[in-house]
Amino acid sequence: MVRSVDGVKVNGYRIEPGANLTEANLLMADLTGVDLRGANLEGADLRGAKLTGANLGQANLTKANLDGTNLTGAKLSGAWLGQASLEGAGLRGAKLTGANLEGANLREANLAEASLTVAFLVGANLEGANLGGVFLYRAKANQDTTWPEGFDPAAAGVIFED
């Protein structure tokens, strides 16, 4: 359940849908269940933050640092995560349907049971990621996309672009 956070400030930043949080310092912040739909988090520092169950649909997380962030059950449908660092992030059961993860670092991330249906994974690094039960139907990747050892993306429904 997403909690209402209108008017709430975290580390001096207003947390609400559509907020401009460009390069915000939200290191280790507890943002459980927040609604940041359409927010601009470009270049934000979210290392170790708790975003469990948060709604980040259509948010811009380009070049954001989410290393070690807990995004379990978060909604990131349509989010822009191009070149974002999500190394070791907890994304178990996260909804990343249609998310742009071009060039994102998802090394060692836990994506078990996450939905990456029609996600854009061109050039993404998924080395060592937990992809157990992940939904990748019609996700797009290319030869630069790095997968965990032994993982067969074609069998999982990934479409390869030239």
N, C-alpha and C. Protein backbone atom coordinates (compact mmCIF):
# COMPACT_ATOMS: atom_id res chain seq x y z
N MET A 1 0.84 -1.18 0.00
CA MET A 1 0.00 0.00 0.00
C MET A 1 0.89 1.24 0.00
N VAL A 2 0.64 2.14 -0.93
CA VAL A 2 1.41 3.38 -1.03
C VAL A 2 0.86 4.38 -0.03
N ARG A 3 1.75 4.94 0.77
CA ARG A 3 1.30 5.90 1.76
C ARG A 3 1.34 7.32 1.18
N SER A 4 0.49 8.16 1.67
CA SER A 4 0.46 9.55 1.23
C SER A 4 1.60 10.29 1.90
N VAL A 5 2.38 10.97 1.08
CA VAL A 5 3.52 11.69 1.63
C VAL A 5 3.51 13.16 1.21
N ASP A 6 2.38 13.67 0.79
CA ASP A 6 2.31 15.07 0.39
C ASP A 6 2.79 15.95 1.53
N GLY A 7 3.73 16.83 1.21
CA GLY A 7 4.23 17.77 2.21
C GLY A 7 5.33 17.22 3.09
N VAL A 8 5.69 15.93 2.94
CA VAL A 8 6.72 15.34 3.77
C VAL A 8 8.09 15.67 3.19
N LYS A 9 9.04 15.97 4.07
CA LYS A 9 10.40 16.23 3.63
C LYS A 9 11.32 15.17 4.22
N VAL A 10 12.26 14.70 3.38
CA VAL A 10 13.27 13.75 3.80
C VAL A 10 14.62 14.35 3.41
N ASN A 11 15.50 14.49 4.37
CA ASN A 11 16.81 15.12 4.14
C ASN A 11 16.67 16.49 3.47
N GLY A 12 15.58 17.19 3.76
CA GLY A 12 15.36 18.51 3.20
C GLY A 12 14.69 18.52 1.83
N TYR A 13 14.37 17.34 1.28
CA TYR A 13 13.75 17.23 -0.04
C TYR A 13 12.27 16.90 0.10
N ARG A 14 11.44 17.60 -0.66
CA ARG A 14 9.99 17.33 -0.65
C ARG A 14 9.72 16.04 -1.43
N ILE A 15 9.06 15.10 -0.79
CA ILE A 15 8.78 13.79 -1.38
C ILE A 15 7.31 13.74 -1.76
N GLU A 16 7.06 13.74 -3.08
CA GLU A 16 5.69 13.70 -3.60
C GLU A 16 5.73 13.34 -5.08
N PRO A 17 4.60 12.93 -5.65
CA PRO A 17 4.58 12.63 -7.08
C PRO A 17 5.06 13.84 -7.88
N GLY A 18 5.88 13.56 -8.91
CA GLY A 18 6.36 14.61 -9.79
C GLY A 18 7.45 15.49 -9.21
N ALA A 19 7.96 15.17 -8.02
CA ALA A 19 8.98 16.00 -7.36
C ALA A 19 10.26 16.06 -8.18
N ASN A 20 10.95 17.20 -8.12
CA ASN A 20 12.25 17.33 -8.76
C ASN A 20 13.31 17.04 -7.71
N LEU A 21 13.87 15.84 -7.78
CA LEU A 21 14.88 15.39 -6.82
C LEU A 21 16.21 15.12 -7.53
N THR A 22 16.48 15.92 -8.55
CA THR A 22 17.73 15.79 -9.30
C THR A 22 18.92 15.90 -8.34
N GLU A 23 19.80 14.88 -8.39
CA GLU A 23 21.01 14.82 -7.57
C GLU A 23 20.74 14.93 -6.06
N ALA A 24 19.55 14.57 -5.64
CA ALA A 24 19.20 14.60 -4.21
C ALA A 24 20.02 13.58 -3.43
N ASN A 25 20.36 13.93 -2.20
CA ASN A 25 21.06 13.02 -1.30
C ASN A 25 20.01 12.33 -0.43
N LEU A 26 19.65 11.12 -0.83
CA LEU A 26 18.67 10.32 -0.09
C LEU A 26 19.32 9.03 0.41
N LEU A 27 20.60 9.13 0.70
CA LEU A 27 21.40 8.02 1.19
C LEU A 27 20.74 7.42 2.45
N MET A 28 20.48 6.12 2.40
CA MET A 28 19.92 5.36 3.53
C MET A 28 18.52 5.84 3.97
N ALA A 29 17.84 6.63 3.16
CA ALA A 29 16.52 7.16 3.53
C ALA A 29 15.47 6.04 3.56
N ASP A 30 14.54 6.13 4.50
CA ASP A 30 13.42 5.20 4.55
C ASP A 30 12.27 5.81 3.77
N LEU A 31 12.08 5.31 2.54
CA LEU A 31 11.03 5.80 1.66
C LEU A 31 10.03 4.68 1.37
N THR A 32 9.81 3.85 2.36
CA THR A 32 8.90 2.72 2.23
C THR A 32 7.51 3.19 1.80
N GLY A 33 7.03 2.62 0.69
CA GLY A 33 5.67 2.88 0.24
C GLY A 33 5.40 4.27 -0.29
N VAL A 34 6.42 5.08 -0.55
CA VAL A 34 6.17 6.44 -1.03
C VAL A 34 5.67 6.45 -2.46
N ASP A 35 5.01 7.53 -2.81
CA ASP A 35 4.49 7.72 -4.17
C ASP A 35 5.32 8.80 -4.85
N LEU A 36 6.24 8.36 -5.72
CA LEU A 36 7.09 9.28 -6.46
C LEU A 36 6.88 9.11 -7.96
N ARG A 37 5.62 8.84 -8.33
CA ARG A 37 5.31 8.70 -9.76
C ARG A 37 5.75 9.95 -10.51
N GLY A 38 6.46 9.73 -11.61
CA GLY A 38 6.86 10.84 -12.46
C GLY A 38 7.92 11.75 -11.87
N ALA A 39 8.51 11.38 -10.75
CA ALA A 39 9.53 12.23 -10.12
C ALA A 39 10.82 12.20 -10.92
N ASN A 40 11.59 13.28 -10.83
CA ASN A 40 12.90 13.34 -11.47
C ASN A 40 13.96 13.07 -10.41
N LEU A 41 14.54 11.88 -10.46
CA LEU A 41 15.57 11.45 -9.53
C LEU A 41 16.91 11.28 -10.26
N GLU A 42 17.08 12.00 -11.36
CA GLU A 42 18.30 11.88 -12.15
C GLU A 42 19.52 12.21 -11.31
N GLY A 43 20.46 11.28 -11.27
CA GLY A 43 21.70 11.48 -10.53
C GLY A 43 21.55 11.46 -9.02
N ALA A 44 20.39 11.07 -8.51
CA ALA A 44 20.16 11.05 -7.06
C ALA A 44 20.98 9.94 -6.39
N ASP A 45 21.37 10.18 -5.15
CA ASP A 45 22.10 9.18 -4.36
C ASP A 45 21.11 8.48 -3.45
N LEU A 46 20.73 7.27 -3.85
CA LEU A 46 19.75 6.47 -3.09
C LEU A 46 20.40 5.21 -2.53
N ARG A 47 21.74 5.23 -2.39
CA ARG A 47 22.44 4.05 -1.87
C ARG A 47 21.88 3.65 -0.51
N GLY A 48 21.52 2.36 -0.42
CA GLY A 48 21.04 1.81 0.84
C GLY A 48 19.67 2.29 1.27
N ALA A 49 18.97 3.01 0.40
CA ALA A 49 17.64 3.51 0.75
C ALA A 49 16.64 2.35 0.80
N LYS A 50 15.57 2.56 1.52
CA LYS A 50 14.51 1.56 1.61
C LYS A 50 13.31 2.08 0.83
N LEU A 51 13.06 1.48 -0.35
CA LEU A 51 11.96 1.88 -1.21
C LEU A 51 10.97 0.73 -1.38
N THR A 52 10.87 -0.11 -0.37
CA THR A 52 9.97 -1.26 -0.40
C THR A 52 8.54 -0.80 -0.69
N GLY A 53 7.95 -1.37 -1.75
CA GLY A 53 6.57 -1.05 -2.09
C GLY A 53 6.35 0.35 -2.62
N ALA A 54 7.41 1.08 -2.93
CA ALA A 54 7.27 2.45 -3.44
C ALA A 54 6.74 2.44 -4.87
N ASN A 55 6.08 3.53 -5.25
CA ASN A 55 5.61 3.69 -6.62
C ASN A 55 6.51 4.70 -7.32
N LEU A 56 7.35 4.19 -8.24
CA LEU A 56 8.27 5.02 -9.01
C LEU A 56 7.93 4.95 -10.49
N GLY A 57 6.67 4.65 -10.80
CA GLY A 57 6.24 4.56 -12.18
C GLY A 57 6.51 5.87 -12.91
N GLN A 58 7.06 5.75 -14.12
CA GLN A 58 7.38 6.90 -14.98
C GLN A 58 8.42 7.84 -14.37
N ALA A 59 9.09 7.42 -13.30
CA ALA A 59 10.13 8.26 -12.69
C ALA A 59 11.40 8.21 -13.53
N ASN A 60 12.18 9.28 -13.46
CA ASN A 60 13.47 9.34 -14.15
C ASN A 60 14.57 9.06 -13.13
N LEU A 61 15.19 7.90 -13.24
CA LEU A 61 16.28 7.50 -12.34
C LEU A 61 17.59 7.38 -13.12
N THR A 62 17.70 8.08 -14.24
CA THR A 62 18.90 8.04 -15.06
C THR A 62 20.12 8.44 -14.22
N LYS A 63 21.14 7.61 -14.28
CA LYS A 63 22.41 7.82 -13.57
C LYS A 63 22.26 7.93 -12.05
N ALA A 64 21.12 7.49 -11.52
CA ALA A 64 20.95 7.46 -10.06
C ALA A 64 21.77 6.31 -9.49
N ASN A 65 22.22 6.46 -8.26
CA ASN A 65 22.96 5.40 -7.59
C ASN A 65 22.03 4.72 -6.59
N LEU A 66 21.64 3.49 -6.91
CA LEU A 66 20.74 2.71 -6.07
C LEU A 66 21.43 1.47 -5.53
N ASP A 67 22.77 1.51 -5.45
CA ASP A 67 23.51 0.36 -4.94
C ASP A 67 22.99 -0.02 -3.55
N GLY A 68 22.65 -1.30 -3.40
CA GLY A 68 22.20 -1.81 -2.11
C GLY A 68 20.82 -1.34 -1.68
N THR A 69 20.08 -0.72 -2.57
CA THR A 69 18.74 -0.22 -2.25
C THR A 69 17.74 -1.37 -2.22
N ASN A 70 16.79 -1.31 -1.30
CA ASN A 70 15.74 -2.32 -1.22
C ASN A 70 14.51 -1.81 -1.95
N LEU A 71 14.24 -2.40 -3.12
CA LEU A 71 13.09 -2.03 -3.95
C LEU A 71 12.10 -3.20 -4.03
N THR A 72 12.10 -4.05 -3.03
CA THR A 72 11.22 -5.22 -3.02
C THR A 72 9.76 -4.77 -3.18
N GLY A 73 9.12 -5.31 -4.21
CA GLY A 73 7.71 -5.00 -4.45
C GLY A 73 7.45 -3.60 -4.97
N ALA A 74 8.49 -2.88 -5.34
CA ALA A 74 8.31 -1.52 -5.86
C ALA A 74 7.71 -1.56 -7.27
N LYS A 75 7.02 -0.49 -7.61
CA LYS A 75 6.45 -0.35 -8.94
C LYS A 75 7.30 0.65 -9.71
N LEU A 76 7.98 0.14 -10.76
CA LEU A 76 8.86 0.97 -11.58
C LEU A 76 8.44 0.91 -13.05
N SER A 77 7.18 0.61 -13.30
CA SER A 77 6.70 0.48 -14.67
C SER A 77 6.90 1.79 -15.42
N GLY A 78 7.56 1.68 -16.57
CA GLY A 78 7.80 2.85 -17.40
C GLY A 78 8.87 3.77 -16.88
N ALA A 79 9.58 3.38 -15.82
CA ALA A 79 10.62 4.24 -15.25
C ALA A 79 11.85 4.26 -16.16
N TRP A 80 12.60 5.34 -16.10
CA TRP A 80 13.85 5.50 -16.85
C TRP A 80 15.00 5.26 -15.89
N LEU A 81 15.71 4.15 -16.09
CA LEU A 81 16.84 3.80 -15.24
C LEU A 81 18.11 3.67 -16.06
N GLY A 82 18.15 4.32 -17.19
CA GLY A 82 19.31 4.24 -18.07
C GLY A 82 20.58 4.65 -17.33
N GLN A 83 21.60 3.81 -17.41
CA GLN A 83 22.91 4.01 -16.80
C GLN A 83 22.85 4.13 -15.28
N ALA A 84 21.73 3.75 -14.68
CA ALA A 84 21.63 3.77 -13.22
C ALA A 84 22.46 2.64 -12.64
N SER A 85 22.96 2.85 -11.43
CA SER A 85 23.71 1.81 -10.74
C SER A 85 22.79 1.16 -9.70
N LEU A 86 22.48 -0.10 -9.95
CA LEU A 86 21.61 -0.87 -9.06
C LEU A 86 22.36 -2.11 -8.55
N GLU A 87 23.66 -2.01 -8.45
CA GLU A 87 24.48 -3.15 -8.04
C GLU A 87 24.06 -3.62 -6.65
N GLY A 88 23.72 -4.90 -6.56
CA GLY A 88 23.34 -5.50 -5.29
C GLY A 88 21.98 -5.05 -4.78
N ALA A 89 21.21 -4.36 -5.60
CA ALA A 89 19.89 -3.86 -5.16
C ALA A 89 18.91 -5.02 -4.98
N GLY A 90 18.02 -4.86 -4.02
CA GLY A 90 16.97 -5.85 -3.78
C GLY A 90 15.74 -5.46 -4.57
N LEU A 91 15.47 -6.19 -5.65
CA LEU A 91 14.34 -5.89 -6.53
C LEU A 91 13.38 -7.08 -6.60
N ARG A 92 13.40 -7.92 -5.59
CA ARG A 92 12.55 -9.11 -5.59
C ARG A 92 11.08 -8.70 -5.75
N GLY A 93 10.43 -9.23 -6.78
CA GLY A 93 9.02 -8.98 -7.02
C GLY A 93 8.72 -7.57 -7.52
N ALA A 94 9.75 -6.80 -7.87
CA ALA A 94 9.53 -5.43 -8.35
C ALA A 94 8.84 -5.46 -9.72
N LYS A 95 8.03 -4.46 -9.98
CA LYS A 95 7.34 -4.34 -11.25
C LYS A 95 8.10 -3.33 -12.12
N LEU A 96 8.87 -3.87 -13.08
CA LEU A 96 9.70 -3.08 -13.97
C LEU A 96 9.19 -3.19 -15.41
N THR A 97 7.90 -3.44 -15.57
CA THR A 97 7.31 -3.60 -16.88
C THR A 97 7.54 -2.34 -17.71
N GLY A 98 8.17 -2.50 -18.86
CA GLY A 98 8.41 -1.38 -19.77
C GLY A 98 9.47 -0.42 -19.29
N ALA A 99 10.21 -0.75 -18.24
CA ALA A 99 11.24 0.16 -17.72
C ALA A 99 12.41 0.23 -18.70
N ASN A 100 13.02 1.41 -18.79
CA ASN A 100 14.21 1.60 -19.61
C ASN A 100 15.43 1.41 -18.71
N LEU A 101 16.12 0.29 -18.91
CA LEU A 101 17.30 -0.06 -18.13
C LEU A 101 18.55 -0.08 -19.01
N GLU A 102 18.54 0.73 -20.05
CA GLU A 102 19.67 0.75 -20.98
C GLU A 102 20.96 1.12 -20.26
N GLY A 103 21.95 0.23 -20.36
CA GLY A 103 23.25 0.48 -19.76
C GLY A 103 23.26 0.45 -18.24
N ALA A 104 22.17 0.01 -17.61
CA ALA A 104 22.09 -0.01 -16.15
C ALA A 104 22.99 -1.11 -15.58
N ASN A 105 23.55 -0.85 -14.40
CA ASN A 105 24.37 -1.84 -13.71
C ASN A 105 23.50 -2.56 -12.69
N LEU A 106 23.12 -3.80 -13.03
CA LEU A 106 22.29 -4.63 -12.15
C LEU A 106 23.09 -5.82 -11.64
N ARG A 107 24.41 -5.65 -11.60
CA ARG A 107 25.30 -6.73 -11.16
C ARG A 107 24.94 -7.13 -9.73
N GLU A 108 24.76 -8.45 -9.53
CA GLU A 108 24.45 -9.02 -8.21
C GLU A 108 23.10 -8.57 -7.64
N ALA A 109 22.25 -7.94 -8.46
CA ALA A 109 20.92 -7.52 -7.98
C ALA A 109 20.02 -8.74 -7.81
N ASN A 110 19.08 -8.65 -6.88
CA ASN A 110 18.11 -9.72 -6.68
C ASN A 110 16.84 -9.34 -7.43
N LEU A 111 16.66 -9.96 -8.60
CA LEU A 111 15.48 -9.70 -9.43
C LEU A 111 14.52 -10.89 -9.43
N ALA A 112 14.64 -11.76 -8.43
CA ALA A 112 13.78 -12.93 -8.36
C ALA A 112 12.32 -12.51 -8.39
N GLU A 113 11.56 -13.16 -9.27
CA GLU A 113 10.12 -12.95 -9.40
C GLU A 113 9.74 -11.53 -9.82
N ALA A 114 10.70 -10.75 -10.30
CA ALA A 114 10.41 -9.40 -10.79
C ALA A 114 9.80 -9.48 -12.19
N SER A 115 9.03 -8.47 -12.55
CA SER A 115 8.46 -8.40 -13.89
C SER A 115 9.25 -7.40 -14.71
N LEU A 116 9.96 -7.93 -15.71
CA LEU A 116 10.72 -7.10 -16.65
C LEU A 116 10.13 -7.25 -18.06
N THR A 117 8.84 -7.55 -18.12
CA THR A 117 8.15 -7.70 -19.39
C THR A 117 8.30 -6.41 -20.19
N VAL A 118 8.65 -6.53 -21.44
CA VAL A 118 8.90 -5.44 -22.39
C VAL A 118 9.87 -4.37 -21.88
N ALA A 119 10.74 -4.73 -20.94
CA ALA A 119 11.76 -3.80 -20.45
C ALA A 119 12.85 -3.66 -21.50
N PHE A 120 13.57 -2.55 -21.49
CA PHE A 120 14.65 -2.27 -22.42
C PHE A 120 15.96 -2.50 -21.69
N LEU A 121 16.64 -3.60 -22.01
CA LEU A 121 17.84 -4.03 -21.31
C LEU A 121 19.11 -3.93 -22.16
N VAL A 122 19.06 -3.14 -23.21
CA VAL A 122 20.21 -3.01 -24.11
C VAL A 122 21.42 -2.50 -23.33
N GLY A 123 22.52 -3.28 -23.37
CA GLY A 123 23.75 -2.88 -22.71
C GLY A 123 23.74 -2.98 -21.20
N ALA A 124 22.69 -3.54 -20.61
CA ALA A 124 22.61 -3.68 -19.15
C ALA A 124 23.55 -4.78 -18.67
N ASN A 125 24.07 -4.62 -17.45
CA ASN A 125 24.94 -5.63 -16.85
C ASN A 125 24.15 -6.37 -15.77
N LEU A 126 23.82 -7.63 -16.06
CA LEU A 126 23.08 -8.48 -15.13
C LEU A 126 23.96 -9.61 -14.60
N GLU A 127 25.27 -9.42 -14.68
CA GLU A 127 26.21 -10.44 -14.23
C GLU A 127 25.98 -10.76 -12.75
N GLY A 128 25.80 -12.03 -12.46
CA GLY A 128 25.63 -12.48 -11.08
C GLY A 128 24.27 -12.15 -10.48
N ALA A 129 23.36 -11.58 -11.25
CA ALA A 129 22.03 -11.23 -10.74
C ALA A 129 21.20 -12.48 -10.51
N ASN A 130 20.32 -12.44 -9.52
CA ASN A 130 19.38 -13.54 -9.27
C ASN A 130 18.16 -13.30 -10.14
N LEU A 131 18.00 -14.14 -11.17
CA LEU A 131 16.87 -14.01 -12.09
C LEU A 131 15.87 -15.16 -11.93
N GLY A 132 15.86 -15.78 -10.77
CA GLY A 132 14.94 -16.88 -10.51
C GLY A 132 13.49 -16.43 -10.58
N GLY A 133 12.74 -17.01 -11.49
CA GLY A 133 11.32 -16.69 -11.61
C GLY A 133 11.03 -15.33 -12.21
N VAL A 134 12.05 -14.67 -12.79
CA VAL A 134 11.85 -13.35 -13.38
C VAL A 134 11.03 -13.46 -14.67
N PHE A 135 10.21 -12.46 -14.96
CA PHE A 135 9.41 -12.41 -16.17
C PHE A 135 10.08 -11.47 -17.16
N LEU A 136 10.58 -12.03 -18.27
CA LEU A 136 11.33 -11.26 -19.26
C LEU A 136 10.64 -11.28 -20.63
N TYR A 137 9.38 -11.65 -20.68
CA TYR A 137 8.68 -11.77 -21.95
C TYR A 137 8.76 -10.47 -22.74
N ARG A 138 9.28 -10.56 -23.95
CA ARG A 138 9.41 -9.45 -24.89
C ARG A 138 10.32 -8.32 -24.40
N ALA A 139 11.16 -8.61 -23.39
CA ALA A 139 12.19 -7.64 -23.00
C ALA A 139 13.19 -7.56 -24.14
N LYS A 140 13.79 -6.39 -24.32
CA LYS A 140 14.74 -6.20 -25.42
C LYS A 140 16.16 -6.08 -24.89
N ALA A 141 17.08 -6.78 -25.56
CA ALA A 141 18.48 -6.77 -25.19
C ALA A 141 19.31 -6.77 -26.47
N ASN A 142 20.63 -6.68 -26.32
CA ASN A 142 21.53 -6.81 -27.47
C ASN A 142 22.77 -7.59 -27.05
N GLN A 143 23.74 -7.67 -27.95
CA GLN A 143 24.95 -8.44 -27.67
C GLN A 143 25.77 -7.83 -26.54
N ASP A 144 25.53 -6.57 -26.20
CA ASP A 144 26.26 -5.92 -25.11
C ASP A 144 25.62 -6.16 -23.73
N THR A 145 24.44 -6.77 -23.72
CA THR A 145 23.79 -7.09 -22.45
C THR A 145 24.50 -8.29 -21.83
N THR A 146 24.88 -8.17 -20.57
CA THR A 146 25.61 -9.23 -19.86
C THR A 146 24.64 -9.98 -18.95
N TRP A 147 24.62 -11.30 -19.07
CA TRP A 147 23.69 -12.14 -18.30
C TRP A 147 24.44 -12.98 -17.27
N PRO A 148 23.75 -13.47 -16.25
CA PRO A 148 24.39 -14.38 -15.29
C PRO A 148 24.85 -15.65 -16.01
N GLU A 149 25.91 -16.22 -15.53
CA GLU A 149 26.44 -17.45 -16.11
C GLU A 149 25.37 -18.53 -16.12
N GLY A 150 25.20 -19.17 -17.29
CA GLY A 150 24.25 -20.26 -17.43
C GLY A 150 22.82 -19.83 -17.70
N PHE A 151 22.54 -18.53 -17.71
CA PHE A 151 21.18 -18.05 -17.97
C PHE A 151 20.94 -17.98 -19.47
N ASP A 152 19.77 -18.47 -19.92
CA ASP A 152 19.42 -18.45 -21.34
C ASP A 152 18.33 -17.41 -21.57
N PRO A 153 18.70 -16.18 -21.96
CA PRO A 153 17.71 -15.12 -22.14
C PRO A 153 16.71 -15.40 -23.24
N ALA A 154 17.13 -16.06 -24.32
CA ALA A 154 16.21 -16.37 -25.41
C ALA A 154 15.10 -17.30 -24.93
N ALA A 155 15.45 -18.28 -24.11
CA ALA A 155 14.45 -19.21 -23.58
C ALA A 155 13.49 -18.49 -22.63
N ALA A 156 13.93 -17.37 -22.05
CA ALA A 156 13.10 -16.60 -21.12
C ALA A 156 12.20 -15.60 -21.86
N GLY A 157 12.33 -15.54 -23.20
CA GLY A 157 11.45 -14.66 -23.97
C GLY A 157 12.07 -13.33 -24.36
N VAL A 158 13.37 -13.15 -24.15
CA VAL A 158 14.04 -11.91 -24.51
C VAL A 158 14.19 -11.81 -26.02
N ILE A 159 13.97 -10.61 -26.54
CA ILE A 159 14.13 -10.33 -27.96
C ILE A 159 15.44 -9.60 -28.14
N PHE A 160 16.28 -10.06 -29.08
CA PHE A 160 17.58 -9.44 -29.30
C PHE A 160 17.53 -8.49 -30.49
N GLU A 161 18.02 -7.26 -30.26
CA GLU A 161 18.13 -6.27 -31.31
C GLU A 161 19.52 -6.34 -31.90
N ASP A 162 19.65 -5.94 -33.16
CA ASP A 162 20.97 -5.92 -33.79
C ASP A 162 21.79 -4.75 -33.32
